[in-house]
């Protein structure tokens, strides 16, 4: 039940009932929380105190104005909120409102406290009171009853810090905003051809050499334009532990991604023996897909097992990303030693000939087993699926729905992340001043219409893989600052978040639900983003200072590409075409 003129929450809760009127929660309000739920209560107290200049007092016994309690009858990640005027005679002397939150678990409490923050209005998204005259008193909270739960257990967003490094402060800010939209997974893309961003003590050259490139391509790699400016940076292991803890306090799991056996030019620049060519050509300065992939040797396997051991020590995530996308075998075929290795491993094609391309699946499978032996689960892109891949590996389907359906049928759990809808670095509009317009045209309405489980994707049979959820991607070839990340990400990530959290609905562009979302976004949610300081893309098009005059992009036509190959045929490297004929946007190419 949802009532017009309500609090305008994003994502939309499963059920909202207005109780009429509003109430105040004042300075000194007492907050009690079940011990399991205290991390969520502590976060909410902190941001509320900062925004309004008040003190919220944690208590362990006695009456309280705000209560967070466990409830066994709620589904995982679910919560209830009731805000009403405090009845007389309760003994609460510190306020005129009572807030009761019931949560199934800590995840539900995190979601509930994000909802409480939204209920307080845009001012709750500031770091200090905007008006000293109102400091010390919360604004009116609507009297309301909400019951809510997530549609999917994996509600993710990928942030690429390899192509363009983001300082730690900006990563923390990105996490805080993702949590504000009830997302619960951040996949951190830490390594690629253009940079290695994670400190590995055993191999210091990975950051000494691999974290820096002499310049960057500006716009599409097809123009050959270079900026002549060195770029780089990396996170120490303590930086990353801080990021993990910061995200955990907001209900987000950080999934690190170490991409192999492709996207490795930065690692090869540091340790040339890892590469197929064995030369020190330097960290890649342009976008696109590299032909220089790892030599799939025992030495390379040992190297990356050691890397993963340190990554496993830093990150507490149950999932570890191994990449596995876009691995052209061209150089492998030209190497007699690698061909012989494939023969010795028994990697033959249907006709009985040696198939060096199968080294791709073999290599990823060996590292996935190493992750599994450590008690975690590997996550790979859909190209890495092969009969050799352990069944506990999670598959992220980026090339379309067909690859996800095939992975489900093969017994893998799947996260849907099709580039045709949820690659947020793709252009958000057809405005003539759109900055570096690349990829498919994907508006807020298009993202809102995304369904991770469309009718044609039949639920897998019992005992097969599960659809865990969905993930949006923010690749940063053309996003060289936090301001550019803001522009590409918002408000489309808000639309994605509602798809991943709220109950399934018909959300096609122009539909009643889509129009309602756009109205709610503009009236209620964009003011929250404004208060937080997000430089999102206005719905009508970019501000003048958000444009990039003279920087060439590479727009793609979704209808035309779909007509040629269908969604299943979109994206990925094409062996017969080489780099020049690759699609402009893939996880490894520029959009």
Protein backbone atom coordinates (compact mmCIF):
# COMPACT_ATOMS: atom_id res chain seq x y z
CA UNK A 1 0.00 0.00 0.00
CA UNK A 2 1.50 3.33 -1.09
CA UNK A 3 -0.13 6.69 -0.67
CA UNK A 4 0.38 9.70 -2.98
CA UNK A 5 2.27 12.56 -1.45
CA UNK A 6 4.17 10.20 0.84
CA UNK A 7 7.79 10.54 1.91
CA UNK A 8 9.15 9.83 -1.58
CA UNK A 9 11.52 7.05 -0.57
CA UNK A 10 14.05 5.56 -3.03
CA UNK A 11 14.04 2.59 -3.40
CA UNK A 12 10.29 2.31 -2.98
CA UNK A 13 9.37 0.14 0.04
CA UNK A 14 7.11 -2.88 -0.32
CA UNK A 15 4.47 -1.23 1.87
CA UNK A 16 4.06 2.32 3.17
CA UNK A 17 1.11 3.55 5.24
CA UNK A 18 0.83 7.17 6.29
CA UNK A 19 -0.53 7.50 9.82
CA UNK A 20 -1.26 11.21 9.53
CA UNK A 21 0.67 14.20 10.73
CA UNK A 22 4.27 14.46 11.78
CA UNK A 23 6.31 14.25 14.95
CA UNK A 24 9.61 15.60 16.27
CA UNK A 25 12.61 13.87 17.70
CA UNK A 26 14.64 16.25 19.80
CA UNK A 27 18.10 16.69 21.22
CA UNK A 28 18.92 14.04 23.81
CA UNK A 29 16.60 11.39 22.38
CA UNK A 30 17.41 7.95 23.75
CA UNK A 31 18.31 5.14 21.32
CA UNK A 32 18.21 1.44 22.26
CA UNK A 33 19.32 -1.36 19.97
CA UNK A 34 19.60 -5.11 20.16
CA UNK A 35 23.33 -5.96 20.35
CA UNK A 36 23.18 -7.54 16.88
CA UNK A 37 21.82 -4.31 15.41
CA UNK A 38 24.11 -1.82 17.15
CA UNK A 39 26.38 -1.15 14.14
CA UNK A 40 23.38 0.18 12.19
CA UNK A 41 22.15 2.20 15.17
CA UNK A 42 25.61 3.65 15.73
CA UNK A 43 25.87 4.75 12.07
CA UNK A 44 22.42 6.38 12.16
CA UNK A 45 23.15 8.22 15.39
CA UNK A 46 26.44 9.54 13.97
CA UNK A 47 25.08 10.91 10.69
CA UNK A 48 21.99 12.34 12.40
CA UNK A 49 24.03 14.09 15.07
CA UNK A 50 26.31 15.60 12.43
CA UNK A 51 23.45 16.77 10.23
CA UNK A 52 21.48 18.46 13.01
CA UNK A 53 23.99 19.34 15.71
CA UNK A 54 22.25 17.27 18.36
CA UNK A 55 23.10 14.41 20.69
CA UNK A 56 21.38 11.02 20.50
CA UNK A 57 22.00 9.00 23.64
CA UNK A 58 22.62 5.25 23.40
CA UNK A 59 20.98 3.27 26.21
CA UNK A 60 20.89 -0.41 27.08
CA UNK A 61 17.92 -0.40 29.46
CA UNK A 62 14.97 1.72 30.39
CA UNK A 63 12.63 3.63 28.08
CA UNK A 64 13.86 4.86 24.71
CA UNK A 65 12.58 7.14 21.96
CA UNK A 66 14.13 5.05 19.18
CA UNK A 67 14.25 1.27 19.42
CA UNK A 68 15.91 -1.21 17.06
CA UNK A 69 14.80 -4.78 17.75
CA UNK A 70 15.09 -8.16 16.06
CA UNK A 71 11.94 -9.74 14.61
CA UNK A 72 11.85 -13.42 13.68
CA UNK A 73 8.85 -13.12 11.37
CA UNK A 74 10.63 -10.95 8.77
CA UNK A 75 12.41 -12.32 5.72
CA UNK A 76 16.19 -11.94 5.39
CA UNK A 77 17.19 -8.30 4.99
CA UNK A 78 13.67 -7.11 5.82
CA UNK A 79 12.51 -4.49 8.30
CA UNK A 80 9.54 -2.61 9.74
CA UNK A 81 9.46 1.01 10.82
CA UNK A 82 6.75 2.75 12.78
CA UNK A 83 7.01 6.45 13.55
CA UNK A 84 4.28 7.90 15.72
CA UNK A 85 3.70 10.37 18.52
CA UNK A 86 4.89 9.07 21.87
CA UNK A 87 1.91 8.12 24.05
CA UNK A 88 1.64 9.91 27.36
CA UNK A 89 2.87 8.21 30.47
CA UNK A 90 5.61 6.18 28.82
CA UNK A 91 8.32 7.85 30.83
CA UNK A 92 10.21 9.19 27.82
CA UNK A 93 11.11 12.75 28.71
CA UNK A 94 13.52 13.43 25.86
CA UNK A 95 11.21 13.78 22.87
CA UNK A 96 7.73 13.85 21.40
CA UNK A 97 8.17 11.02 18.91
CA UNK A 98 8.69 7.32 19.19
CA UNK A 99 10.41 5.33 16.47
CA UNK A 100 10.35 1.55 16.47
CA UNK A 101 12.45 -0.42 14.01
CA UNK A 102 12.16 -4.19 13.73
CA UNK A 103 14.68 -5.97 11.57
CA UNK A 104 15.23 -9.55 10.54
CA UNK A 105 18.99 -9.15 10.89
CA UNK A 106 21.76 -6.58 10.72
CA UNK A 107 21.26 -6.19 6.96
CA UNK A 108 17.64 -5.28 7.59
CA UNK A 109 18.67 -2.77 10.24
CA UNK A 110 21.12 -1.13 7.84
CA UNK A 111 18.31 -0.77 5.29
CA UNK A 112 15.93 0.57 7.93
CA UNK A 113 18.32 3.25 9.14
CA UNK A 114 18.90 4.42 5.57
CA UNK A 115 15.12 4.76 5.30
CA UNK A 116 15.02 6.73 8.55
CA UNK A 117 17.61 9.09 7.11
CA UNK A 118 15.46 9.67 4.02
CA UNK A 119 12.36 10.23 6.16
CA UNK A 120 14.11 13.15 7.85
CA UNK A 121 14.38 15.01 4.54
CA UNK A 122 17.29 16.35 2.46
CA UNK A 123 18.86 18.08 5.47
CA UNK A 124 19.72 14.63 6.87
CA UNK A 125 22.23 14.23 4.03
CA UNK A 126 24.36 17.17 5.16
CA UNK A 127 27.45 16.91 7.36
CA UNK A 128 26.46 19.84 9.56
CA UNK A 129 23.34 21.98 10.09
CA UNK A 130 22.68 24.25 7.13
CA UNK A 131 21.03 26.83 9.38
CA UNK A 132 22.36 27.50 12.86
CA UNK A 133 18.89 28.61 13.95
CA UNK A 134 17.55 25.07 13.55
CA UNK A 135 20.54 23.23 15.02
CA UNK A 136 19.48 21.00 17.90
CA UNK A 137 16.10 19.90 16.58
CA UNK A 138 15.26 17.38 13.95
CA UNK A 139 12.71 18.40 11.34
CA UNK A 140 9.33 16.79 11.42
CA UNK A 141 9.29 13.07 10.70
CA UNK A 142 6.15 11.82 8.97
CA UNK A 143 4.08 9.50 11.09
CA UNK A 144 4.32 6.38 9.01
CA UNK A 145 4.35 2.59 9.05
CA UNK A 146 6.69 0.86 6.59
CA UNK A 147 7.28 -2.82 5.93
CA UNK A 148 9.99 -3.69 3.47
CA UNK A 149 12.38 -6.35 2.22
CA UNK A 150 14.82 -6.71 -0.69
CA UNK A 151 13.90 -8.43 -3.94
CA UNK A 152 17.45 -9.70 -4.54
CA UNK A 153 20.22 -10.63 -2.13
CA UNK A 154 22.99 -9.25 -4.43
CA UNK A 155 22.43 -5.58 -5.18
CA UNK A 156 25.76 -4.51 -6.50
CA UNK A 157 27.71 -1.76 -8.18
CA UNK A 158 31.20 -2.05 -9.68
CA UNK A 159 33.65 0.83 -9.37
CA UNK A 160 36.65 0.76 -11.70
CA UNK A 161 39.64 2.35 -9.96
CA UNK A 162 42.16 0.76 -12.33
CA UNK A 163 41.57 2.89 -15.45
CA UNK A 164 41.42 6.10 -13.41
CA UNK A 165 42.54 5.98 -9.81
CA UNK A 166 40.22 7.46 -7.20
CA UNK A 167 41.76 8.58 -3.90
CA UNK A 168 40.56 6.70 -0.83
CA UNK A 169 38.34 9.60 0.26
CA UNK A 170 36.38 9.39 -2.99
CA UNK A 171 35.98 5.63 -2.68
CA UNK A 172 34.55 6.05 0.82
CA UNK A 173 32.14 8.68 -0.49
CA UNK A 174 31.07 6.33 -3.31
CA UNK A 175 30.38 3.61 -0.74
CA UNK A 176 28.34 5.94 1.46
CA UNK A 177 26.16 6.92 -1.49
CA UNK A 178 25.72 3.30 -2.60
CA UNK A 179 24.57 2.39 0.90
CA UNK A 180 22.13 5.31 0.85
CA UNK A 181 20.41 3.48 -2.02
CA UNK A 182 20.35 0.14 -0.13
CA UNK A 183 22.96 -1.48 -2.35
CA UNK A 184 24.97 -4.09 -0.51
CA UNK A 185 27.88 -5.15 -2.78
CA UNK A 186 30.74 -3.03 -4.12
CA UNK A 187 32.93 -4.81 -6.64
CA UNK A 188 36.23 -2.93 -6.63
CA UNK A 189 38.03 -3.37 -9.97
CA UNK A 190 41.59 -3.05 -8.69
CA UNK A 191 43.76 -4.21 -11.60
CA UNK A 192 43.79 -3.80 -15.35
CA UNK A 193 46.06 -3.03 -18.29
CA UNK A 194 46.14 0.65 -17.30
CA UNK A 195 47.02 0.30 -13.62
CA UNK A 196 47.56 -1.94 -10.59
CA UNK A 197 45.99 -0.41 -7.48
CA UNK A 198 46.49 -2.87 -4.59
CA UNK A 199 49.68 -3.13 -2.54
CA UNK A 200 51.14 -6.65 -2.59
CA UNK A 201 54.01 -6.96 -0.13
CA UNK A 202 55.56 -9.99 -1.84
CA UNK A 203 55.68 -8.22 -5.20
CA UNK A 204 56.42 -4.52 -4.56
CA UNK A 205 57.06 -3.78 -8.24
CA UNK A 206 53.34 -4.22 -8.92
CA UNK A 207 52.71 -0.79 -7.40
CA UNK A 208 56.17 0.70 -7.84
CA UNK A 209 55.88 0.27 -11.61
CA UNK A 210 52.39 -1.02 -12.33
CA UNK A 211 50.46 1.71 -10.53
CA UNK A 212 51.67 4.46 -12.89
CA UNK A 213 51.35 5.23 -16.59
CA UNK A 214 53.09 8.00 -18.46
CA UNK A 215 49.90 9.42 -19.99
CA UNK A 216 46.27 8.63 -20.80
CA UNK A 217 44.07 8.58 -23.86
CA UNK A 218 41.48 11.35 -23.92
CA UNK A 219 38.22 10.17 -25.44
CA UNK A 220 38.00 7.15 -27.69
CA UNK A 221 41.26 5.33 -28.44
CA UNK A 222 40.37 5.65 -32.14
CA UNK A 223 41.36 9.33 -32.19
CA UNK A 224 44.90 8.75 -30.93
CA UNK A 225 44.65 11.77 -28.61
CA UNK A 226 46.95 11.71 -25.56
CA UNK A 227 47.08 14.09 -22.62
CA UNK A 228 50.82 13.75 -21.92
CA UNK A 229 50.15 13.74 -18.15
CA UNK A 230 51.32 10.90 -15.86
CA UNK A 231 48.53 9.19 -13.95
CA UNK A 232 48.56 6.72 -11.08
CA UNK A 233 48.06 5.79 -7.49
CA UNK A 234 47.38 2.75 -5.33
CA UNK A 235 45.88 1.71 -2.03
CA UNK A 236 47.98 0.34 0.79
CA UNK A 237 46.66 -2.76 2.48
CA UNK A 238 45.67 -0.64 5.47
CA UNK A 239 43.78 1.71 3.13
CA UNK A 240 41.85 -1.24 1.81
CA UNK A 241 41.15 -2.62 5.28
CA UNK A 242 39.75 0.80 6.17
CA UNK A 243 37.57 0.76 3.04
CA UNK A 244 36.30 -2.71 3.95
CA UNK A 245 35.46 -1.64 7.52
CA UNK A 246 33.82 1.60 6.35
CA UNK A 247 31.64 -0.38 3.93
CA UNK A 248 30.80 -3.03 6.55
CA UNK A 249 29.51 -0.29 8.87
CA UNK A 250 27.02 0.59 6.14
CA UNK A 251 25.95 -2.96 5.23
CA UNK A 252 28.12 -3.24 2.11
CA UNK A 253 30.47 -6.09 1.24
CA UNK A 254 33.54 -5.10 -0.80
CA UNK A 255 34.42 -7.69 -3.44
CA UNK A 256 37.99 -7.21 -4.74
CA UNK A 257 38.68 -8.04 -8.37
CA UNK A 258 42.12 -9.14 -9.61
CA UNK A 259 41.63 -9.56 -13.35
CA UNK A 260 43.34 -12.55 -15.06
CA UNK A 261 44.52 -13.88 -17.47
CA UNK A 262 43.68 -10.84 -19.61
CA UNK A 263 43.87 -7.17 -18.65
CA UNK A 264 47.33 -7.70 -17.18
CA UNK A 265 49.64 -5.22 -18.94
CA UNK A 266 50.24 -3.32 -15.69
CA UNK A 267 51.34 -6.51 -13.94
CA UNK A 268 53.45 -7.52 -16.94
CA UNK A 269 55.10 -4.09 -16.98
CA UNK A 270 56.25 -4.80 -13.43
CA UNK A 271 57.15 -8.48 -13.97
CA UNK A 272 57.69 -9.13 -17.70
CA UNK A 273 58.14 -12.87 -17.21
CA UNK A 274 54.38 -13.08 -16.57
CA UNK A 275 53.49 -12.00 -20.12
CA UNK A 276 53.36 -13.95 -23.33
CA UNK A 277 55.74 -11.53 -25.07
CA UNK A 278 58.15 -11.29 -22.09
CA UNK A 279 58.93 -7.63 -22.80
CA UNK A 280 58.74 -4.55 -20.58
CA UNK A 281 56.61 -2.29 -22.74
CA UNK A 282 55.19 -0.29 -19.85
CA UNK A 283 51.73 0.19 -18.42
CA UNK A 284 49.13 0.57 -21.16
CA UNK A 285 48.23 4.19 -21.91
CA UNK A 286 45.20 3.65 -24.13
CA UNK A 287 41.91 1.81 -23.86
CA UNK A 288 40.69 -1.14 -25.91
CA UNK A 289 41.55 -4.80 -25.48
CA UNK A 290 45.15 -5.94 -25.20
CA UNK A 291 46.45 -8.97 -27.06
CA UNK A 292 49.18 -9.39 -24.42
CA UNK A 293 47.69 -11.77 -21.89
CA UNK A 294 49.38 -13.87 -19.21
CA UNK A 295 51.61 -16.76 -20.10
CA UNK A 296 49.45 -19.54 -18.58
CA UNK A 297 52.47 -21.14 -16.94
CA UNK A 298 52.98 -22.70 -13.53
CA UNK A 299 55.04 -19.64 -12.68
CA UNK A 300 52.13 -17.31 -13.47
CA UNK A 301 49.79 -19.50 -11.43
CA UNK A 302 52.13 -19.43 -8.45
CA UNK A 303 52.52 -15.65 -8.74
CA UNK A 304 48.78 -15.01 -8.68
CA UNK A 305 48.18 -17.53 -5.92
CA UNK A 306 50.57 -15.49 -3.81
CA UNK A 307 48.77 -12.28 -4.83
CA UNK A 308 45.42 -13.81 -3.89
CA UNK A 309 46.74 -14.94 -0.52
CA UNK A 310 47.40 -11.31 0.40
CA UNK A 311 44.07 -10.18 -1.07
CA UNK A 312 42.29 -12.85 0.98
CA UNK A 313 43.99 -11.52 4.09
CA UNK A 314 42.90 -7.92 3.43
CA UNK A 315 39.30 -8.50 2.33
CA UNK A 316 36.77 -10.40 4.43
CA UNK A 317 34.33 -10.82 1.53
CA UNK A 318 32.95 -14.31 0.88
CA UNK A 319 33.55 -13.55 -2.82
CA UNK A 320 36.78 -12.79 -4.66
CA UNK A 321 36.70 -11.52 -8.26
CA UNK A 322 39.05 -13.15 -10.78
CA UNK A 323 37.90 -11.35 -13.94
CA UNK A 324 38.39 -13.83 -16.76
CA UNK A 325 36.95 -11.57 -19.46
CA UNK A 326 38.35 -10.80 -22.92
CA UNK A 327 41.30 -13.12 -23.31
CA UNK A 328 42.38 -13.24 -26.98
CA UNK A 329 44.46 -16.43 -27.54
CA UNK A 330 46.26 -15.02 -30.59
CA UNK A 331 49.72 -14.83 -28.97
CA UNK A 332 49.24 -18.20 -27.31
CA UNK A 333 48.75 -19.79 -30.73
CA UNK A 334 51.98 -18.19 -31.95
CA UNK A 335 54.00 -19.63 -29.04
CA UNK A 336 55.26 -23.22 -29.54
CA UNK A 337 55.85 -23.53 -25.81
CA UNK A 338 52.28 -22.54 -24.96
CA UNK A 339 50.84 -24.80 -27.65
CA UNK A 340 52.86 -27.65 -26.18
CA UNK A 341 51.60 -26.78 -22.69
CA UNK A 342 48.00 -27.04 -23.91
CA UNK A 343 48.84 -30.41 -25.47
CA UNK A 344 50.45 -31.68 -22.26
CA UNK A 345 47.36 -30.63 -20.29
CA UNK A 346 45.10 -32.52 -22.71
CA UNK A 347 43.30 -29.43 -23.96
CA UNK A 348 41.92 -30.54 -27.31
CA UNK A 349 39.10 -29.25 -29.46
CA UNK A 350 36.17 -31.29 -30.84
CA UNK A 351 38.23 -32.40 -33.85
CA UNK A 352 41.10 -33.64 -31.73
CA UNK A 353 43.45 -30.70 -32.44
CA UNK A 354 45.17 -28.81 -29.63
CA UNK A 355 42.97 -25.90 -28.52
CA UNK A 356 45.12 -23.29 -26.78
CA UNK A 357 42.01 -21.18 -26.18
CA UNK A 358 41.02 -23.67 -23.48
CA UNK A 359 43.99 -22.51 -21.43
CA UNK A 360 41.80 -19.54 -20.56
CA UNK A 361 39.25 -21.67 -18.73
CA UNK A 362 41.93 -23.95 -17.30
CA UNK A 363 43.88 -21.03 -15.79
CA UNK A 364 40.84 -19.34 -14.24
CA UNK A 365 39.63 -22.67 -12.85
CA UNK A 366 42.94 -23.29 -11.07
CA UNK A 367 42.79 -19.91 -9.33
CA UNK A 368 39.11 -20.43 -8.52
CA UNK A 369 40.07 -23.66 -6.77
CA UNK A 370 42.68 -21.74 -4.77
CA UNK A 371 40.00 -19.28 -3.66
CA UNK A 372 37.68 -22.16 -2.79
CA UNK A 373 40.40 -23.88 -0.76
CA UNK A 374 40.59 -20.69 1.31
CA UNK A 375 36.89 -20.94 2.12
CA UNK A 376 35.72 -18.25 -0.29
CA UNK A 377 33.94 -18.23 -3.67
CA UNK A 378 35.38 -16.86 -6.89
CA UNK A 379 33.42 -14.46 -9.10
CA UNK A 380 34.12 -14.33 -12.85
CA UNK A 381 32.76 -12.62 -15.96
CA UNK A 382 30.71 -14.84 -18.25
CA UNK A 383 33.50 -15.53 -20.79
CA UNK A 384 35.31 -17.55 -18.12
CA UNK A 385 32.56 -20.18 -17.98
CA UNK A 386 33.83 -23.58 -19.11
CA UNK A 387 33.31 -27.22 -18.12
CA UNK A 388 36.47 -26.85 -16.01
CA UNK A 389 35.07 -24.01 -13.87
CA UNK A 390 34.10 -25.18 -10.35
CA UNK A 391 30.36 -25.04 -9.77
CA UNK A 392 30.70 -22.83 -6.71
CA UNK A 393 32.00 -19.95 -8.85
CA UNK A 394 29.58 -17.03 -9.26
CA UNK A 395 29.18 -15.82 -12.85
CA UNK A 396 28.52 -12.16 -13.65
CA UNK A 397 26.71 -11.99 -16.99
CA UNK A 398 27.69 -8.76 -18.76
CA UNK A 399 27.25 -9.63 -22.44
CA UNK A 400 23.50 -10.17 -22.22
CA UNK A 401 20.84 -12.44 -20.78
CA UNK A 402 21.75 -15.55 -22.80
CA UNK A 403 25.11 -15.98 -21.09
CA UNK A 404 23.49 -15.70 -17.68
CA UNK A 405 20.85 -18.26 -18.60
CA UNK A 406 23.52 -20.67 -19.83
CA UNK A 407 25.54 -20.24 -16.62
CA UNK A 408 22.42 -20.91 -14.52
CA UNK A 409 21.72 -24.04 -16.53
CA UNK A 410 25.32 -25.17 -15.94
CA UNK A 411 24.79 -24.92 -12.19
CA UNK A 412 26.41 -21.56 -11.40
CA UNK A 413 24.90 -18.82 -9.29
CA UNK A 414 24.57 -15.73 -11.47
CA UNK A 415 24.56 -11.95 -11.13
CA UNK A 416 22.94 -10.17 -14.08
CA UNK A 417 24.91 -7.14 -15.29
CA UNK A 418 24.16 -6.70 -19.01
CA UNK A 419 26.04 -3.86 -20.68
CA UNK A 420 22.96 -3.16 -22.78
CA UNK A 421 21.25 -1.63 -19.73
CA UNK A 422 23.38 -1.23 -16.61
CA UNK A 423 26.78 0.02 -17.79
CA UNK A 424 26.53 3.50 -16.31
CA UNK A 425 29.54 4.88 -18.16
CA UNK A 426 27.44 4.56 -21.32
CA UNK A 427 25.84 7.85 -22.39
CA UNK A 428 22.81 8.85 -20.36
CA UNK A 429 21.17 11.00 -23.04
CA UNK A 430 21.36 12.29 -26.58
CA UNK A 431 21.90 15.92 -25.58
CA UNK A 432 24.28 17.54 -28.13
CA UNK A 433 26.64 18.56 -25.31
CA UNK A 434 26.78 15.10 -23.71
CA UNK A 435 30.37 14.71 -22.42
CA UNK A 436 32.36 11.99 -24.23
CA UNK A 437 29.27 10.17 -25.52
CA UNK A 438 30.14 6.49 -25.62
CA UNK A 439 28.31 3.19 -25.66
CA UNK A 440 24.59 2.66 -25.80
CA UNK A 441 22.06 5.39 -25.03
CA UNK A 442 20.71 4.41 -21.59
CA UNK A 443 18.44 6.96 -19.93
CA UNK A 444 17.14 6.92 -16.38
CA UNK A 445 13.92 5.41 -17.75
CA UNK A 446 15.85 2.71 -19.60
CA UNK A 447 17.71 1.67 -16.47
CA UNK A 448 14.47 1.74 -14.48
CA UNK A 449 12.93 -0.68 -17.00
CA UNK A 450 15.70 -3.25 -16.45
CA UNK A 451 14.48 -6.60 -15.18
CA UNK A 452 17.20 -8.99 -13.97
CA UNK A 453 14.74 -11.87 -14.40
CA UNK A 454 12.71 -11.26 -17.57
CA UNK A 455 9.93 -13.70 -18.48
CA UNK A 456 12.01 -15.31 -21.21
CA UNK A 457 14.69 -16.26 -18.69
CA UNK A 458 13.08 -19.33 -17.20
CA UNK A 459 13.79 -20.09 -13.58
CA UNK A 460 16.38 -22.88 -13.38
CA UNK A 461 15.31 -26.32 -12.30
CA UNK A 462 15.87 -27.51 -8.75
CA UNK A 463 19.52 -28.13 -8.05
CA UNK A 464 20.75 -25.71 -10.70
CA UNK A 465 22.20 -22.25 -10.20
CA UNK A 466 20.42 -19.35 -8.52
CA UNK A 467 19.96 -15.81 -9.76
CA UNK A 468 21.59 -13.91 -6.89
CA UNK A 469 20.68 -10.48 -8.19
CA UNK A 470 22.02 -7.69 -10.34
CA UNK A 471 24.94 -5.30 -10.60
CA UNK A 472 25.51 -1.94 -12.28
CA UNK A 473 28.98 -1.09 -13.60
CA UNK A 474 30.88 2.21 -13.47
CA UNK A 475 33.89 1.80 -15.77
CA UNK A 476 36.21 4.80 -15.71
CA UNK A 477 38.10 5.02 -19.00
CA UNK A 478 36.36 8.37 -19.53
CA UNK A 479 35.66 9.22 -15.89
CA UNK A 480 38.87 10.82 -14.64
CA UNK A 481 37.58 12.39 -11.41
CA UNK A 482 34.95 11.97 -8.71
CA UNK A 483 32.90 14.70 -10.43
CA UNK A 484 32.80 12.68 -13.66
CA UNK A 485 31.91 9.54 -11.68
CA UNK A 486 29.01 11.43 -10.07
CA UNK A 487 27.76 12.54 -13.46
CA UNK A 488 27.77 9.05 -14.98
CA UNK A 489 26.44 7.27 -11.93
CA UNK A 490 23.55 9.44 -10.76
CA UNK A 491 20.63 9.51 -10.92
CA UNK A 492 20.70 6.26 -12.93
CA UNK A 493 22.06 4.27 -10.00
CA UNK A 494 18.99 5.34 -8.03
CA UNK A 495 16.82 3.79 -10.74
CA UNK A 496 18.90 0.61 -10.70
CA UNK A 497 18.71 0.42 -6.90
CA UNK A 498 14.92 0.42 -7.00
CA UNK A 499 14.93 -2.38 -9.57
CA UNK A 500 17.24 -4.48 -7.40
CA UNK A 501 15.43 -3.78 -4.10
CA UNK A 502 11.73 -3.17 -4.69
CA UNK A 503 9.11 -5.76 -5.65
CA UNK A 504 8.90 -6.68 -9.32
CA UNK A 505 6.72 -4.34 -11.36
CA UNK A 506 6.05 -3.21 -14.93
CA UNK A 507 8.52 -0.34 -15.29
CA UNK A 508 8.71 0.24 -19.06
CA UNK A 509 9.46 3.81 -20.18
CA UNK A 510 6.21 5.78 -20.27
CA UNK A 511 4.43 3.39 -17.91
CA UNK A 512 2.56 4.65 -14.86
CA UNK A 513 5.23 3.27 -12.53
CA UNK A 514 8.02 4.86 -14.57
CA UNK A 515 6.31 8.26 -14.53
CA UNK A 516 5.73 7.97 -10.80
CA UNK A 517 9.39 7.14 -10.22
CA UNK A 518 10.57 10.13 -12.25
CA UNK A 519 8.26 12.42 -10.30
CA UNK A 520 9.41 10.97 -6.98
CA UNK A 521 13.04 11.22 -8.09
CA UNK A 522 12.74 14.87 -9.09
CA UNK A 523 10.64 16.03 -6.16
CA UNK A 524 12.17 14.06 -3.31
CA UNK A 525 15.40 12.29 -4.19
CA UNK A 526 17.38 14.77 -6.26
CA UNK A 527 17.14 17.26 -3.35
CA UNK A 528 18.76 14.60 -1.15
CA UNK A 529 21.59 14.21 -3.68
CA UNK A 530 21.90 18.00 -3.84
CA UNK A 531 22.24 18.19 -0.06
CA UNK A 532 24.88 15.46 -0.09
CA UNK A 533 26.82 17.29 -2.81
CA UNK A 534 26.40 14.86 -5.71
CA UNK A 535 27.12 16.40 -9.11
CA UNK A 536 24.62 14.20 -10.93
CA UNK A 537 23.48 14.59 -14.51
CA UNK A 538 20.37 16.80 -14.61
CA UNK A 539 17.40 15.08 -16.21
CA UNK A 540 17.30 17.76 -18.93
CA UNK A 541 20.98 17.42 -19.85
CA UNK A 542 24.43 18.45 -18.61
CA UNK A 543 25.29 21.73 -16.95
CA UNK A 544 27.78 23.76 -19.02
CA UNK A 545 30.63 22.82 -16.66
CA UNK A 546 29.80 19.12 -17.08
CA UNK A 547 30.43 19.13 -20.84
CA UNK A 548 33.73 18.13 -22.50
CA UNK A 549 33.91 20.11 -25.76
CA UNK A 550 36.21 18.66 -28.38
CA UNK A 551 36.66 15.25 -26.73
CA UNK A 552 35.47 12.57 -29.11
CA UNK A 553 33.38 9.63 -27.94
CA UNK A 554 32.15 6.57 -29.76
CA UNK A 555 28.38 6.10 -29.54
CA UNK A 556 26.96 2.67 -30.26
CA UNK A 557 23.52 1.81 -31.65
CA UNK A 558 21.77 -0.80 -29.53
CA UNK A 559 19.04 -1.51 -32.08
CA UNK A 560 21.55 -1.99 -34.89
CA UNK A 561 23.82 -4.29 -32.89
CA UNK A 562 20.88 -6.29 -31.60
CA UNK A 563 19.61 -6.75 -35.16
CA UNK A 564 22.98 -8.18 -36.22
CA UNK A 565 23.71 -10.56 -33.39
CA UNK A 566 21.09 -10.30 -30.70
CA UNK A 567 21.95 -9.59 -27.11
CA UNK A 568 23.84 -12.86 -26.83
CA UNK A 569 26.24 -11.75 -29.56
CA UNK A 570 27.04 -8.31 -28.19
CA UNK A 571 30.37 -7.45 -26.65
CA UNK A 572 33.56 -9.38 -26.12
CA UNK A 573 36.60 -9.77 -28.32
CA UNK A 574 36.21 -11.18 -31.80
CA UNK A 575 39.03 -13.45 -32.78
CA UNK A 576 38.67 -12.86 -36.51
CA UNK A 577 38.58 -9.09 -36.29
CA UNK A 578 41.44 -8.08 -34.03
CA UNK A 579 41.46 -5.04 -31.83
CA UNK A 580 40.41 -2.58 -34.52
CA UNK A 581 37.05 -4.30 -35.04
CA UNK A 582 36.18 -4.75 -31.39
CA UNK A 583 33.04 -3.18 -29.94
CA UNK A 584 33.91 0.10 -28.27
CA UNK A 585 32.46 -0.79 -24.89
CA UNK A 586 33.32 -3.92 -22.96
CA UNK A 587 34.68 -4.32 -19.46
CA UNK A 588 38.13 -3.84 -20.96
CA UNK A 589 37.63 -1.56 -23.94
CA UNK A 590 36.72 2.07 -23.77
CA UNK A 591 33.06 2.74 -24.01
